[in-house]
Protein backbone atom coordinates (compact mmCIF):
# COMPACT_ATOMS: atom_id res chain seq x y z
CA UNK A 1 0.00 0.00 0.00
CA UNK A 2 2.71 2.44 0.95
CA UNK A 3 4.66 1.99 -2.28
CA UNK A 4 1.60 3.13 -4.25
CA UNK A 5 1.56 6.39 -2.30
CA UNK A 6 5.27 6.93 -2.89
CA UNK A 7 4.77 6.19 -6.59
CA UNK A 8 1.89 8.69 -6.72
CA UNK A 9 4.03 11.36 -5.09
CA UNK A 10 6.91 10.73 -7.48
CA UNK A 11 4.58 10.70 -10.50
CA UNK A 12 2.96 13.98 -9.45
CA UNK A 13 6.31 15.66 -8.89
CA UNK A 14 7.56 14.40 -12.26
CA UNK A 15 4.48 15.74 -14.03
CA UNK A 16 4.98 19.17 -12.44
CA UNK A 17 8.61 19.24 -13.63
CA UNK A 18 7.56 18.02 -17.09
CA UNK A 19 4.97 20.79 -17.29
CA UNK A 20 7.60 23.44 -16.61
CA UNK A 21 9.93 21.87 -19.19
CA UNK A 22 7.21 21.84 -21.86
CA UNK A 23 6.13 25.38 -21.04
CA UNK A 24 9.64 26.83 -21.10
CA UNK A 25 11.25 24.66 -23.76
CA UNK A 26 8.44 24.25 -26.28
CA UNK A 27 6.35 27.34 -25.48
CA UNK A 28 3.20 25.20 -25.33
CA UNK A 29 1.59 26.85 -22.34
CA UNK A 30 -1.86 25.26 -22.71
CA UNK A 31 -0.47 21.73 -22.64
CA UNK A 32 1.90 22.68 -19.84
CA UNK A 33 -0.97 24.07 -17.77
CA UNK A 34 -3.00 20.88 -18.17
CA UNK A 35 -0.05 18.67 -17.22
CA UNK A 36 0.75 20.96 -14.27
CA UNK A 37 -2.81 20.75 -12.92
CA UNK A 38 -2.88 16.97 -13.32
CA UNK A 39 0.50 16.71 -11.59
CA UNK A 40 -0.62 18.84 -8.65
CA UNK A 41 -3.82 16.78 -8.36
CA UNK A 42 -1.89 13.49 -8.32
CA UNK A 43 0.63 14.87 -5.83
CA UNK A 44 -2.02 16.29 -3.49
CA UNK A 45 -4.12 13.13 -3.63
CA UNK A 46 -1.11 11.00 -2.79
CA UNK A 47 -0.17 13.21 0.15
CA UNK A 48 -3.73 13.26 1.51
CA UNK A 49 -4.07 9.48 1.18
CA UNK A 50 -0.66 9.00 2.83
CA UNK A 51 -1.64 11.23 5.75
CA UNK A 52 -4.90 9.34 6.17
CA UNK A 53 -3.02 6.03 6.03
CA UNK A 54 -0.55 7.23 8.66
CA UNK A 55 -3.33 8.47 10.94
CA UNK A 56 -5.25 5.23 10.53
CA UNK A 57 -2.16 3.09 11.20
CA UNK A 58 -0.66 5.03 14.11
CA UNK A 59 -3.79 6.61 15.52
CA UNK A 60 -4.67 10.22 16.17
CA UNK A 61 -5.32 11.61 19.62
CA UNK A 62 -7.12 14.96 19.42
CA UNK A 63 -6.67 15.52 23.16
CA UNK A 64 -2.89 15.20 22.94
CA UNK A 65 -0.97 18.43 23.48
CA UNK A 66 0.85 19.71 20.38
CA UNK A 67 4.24 19.76 22.11
CA UNK A 68 3.96 15.98 22.55
CA UNK A 69 2.82 15.35 18.97
CA UNK A 70 6.38 14.90 17.69
CA UNK A 71 9.25 13.05 19.37
CA UNK A 72 11.39 15.47 21.31
CA UNK A 73 8.53 17.92 21.87
CA UNK A 74 9.54 20.70 19.51
């Protein structure tokens, strides 16, 4: 399950970089905008699903103080 989320993140980041390359190198801004939006959507979906997976696996305690939320209490 986790490797799918990592793949989604990498795919989304690659699409964002590809969109910039197409927009700058080929001057095809319409195509670049579409690829950029798709890349951001894939990236955001992967991050949201990964956060939900982490919360479901490790649990979330809403009553926990924020200074104890991370190891070391930053």
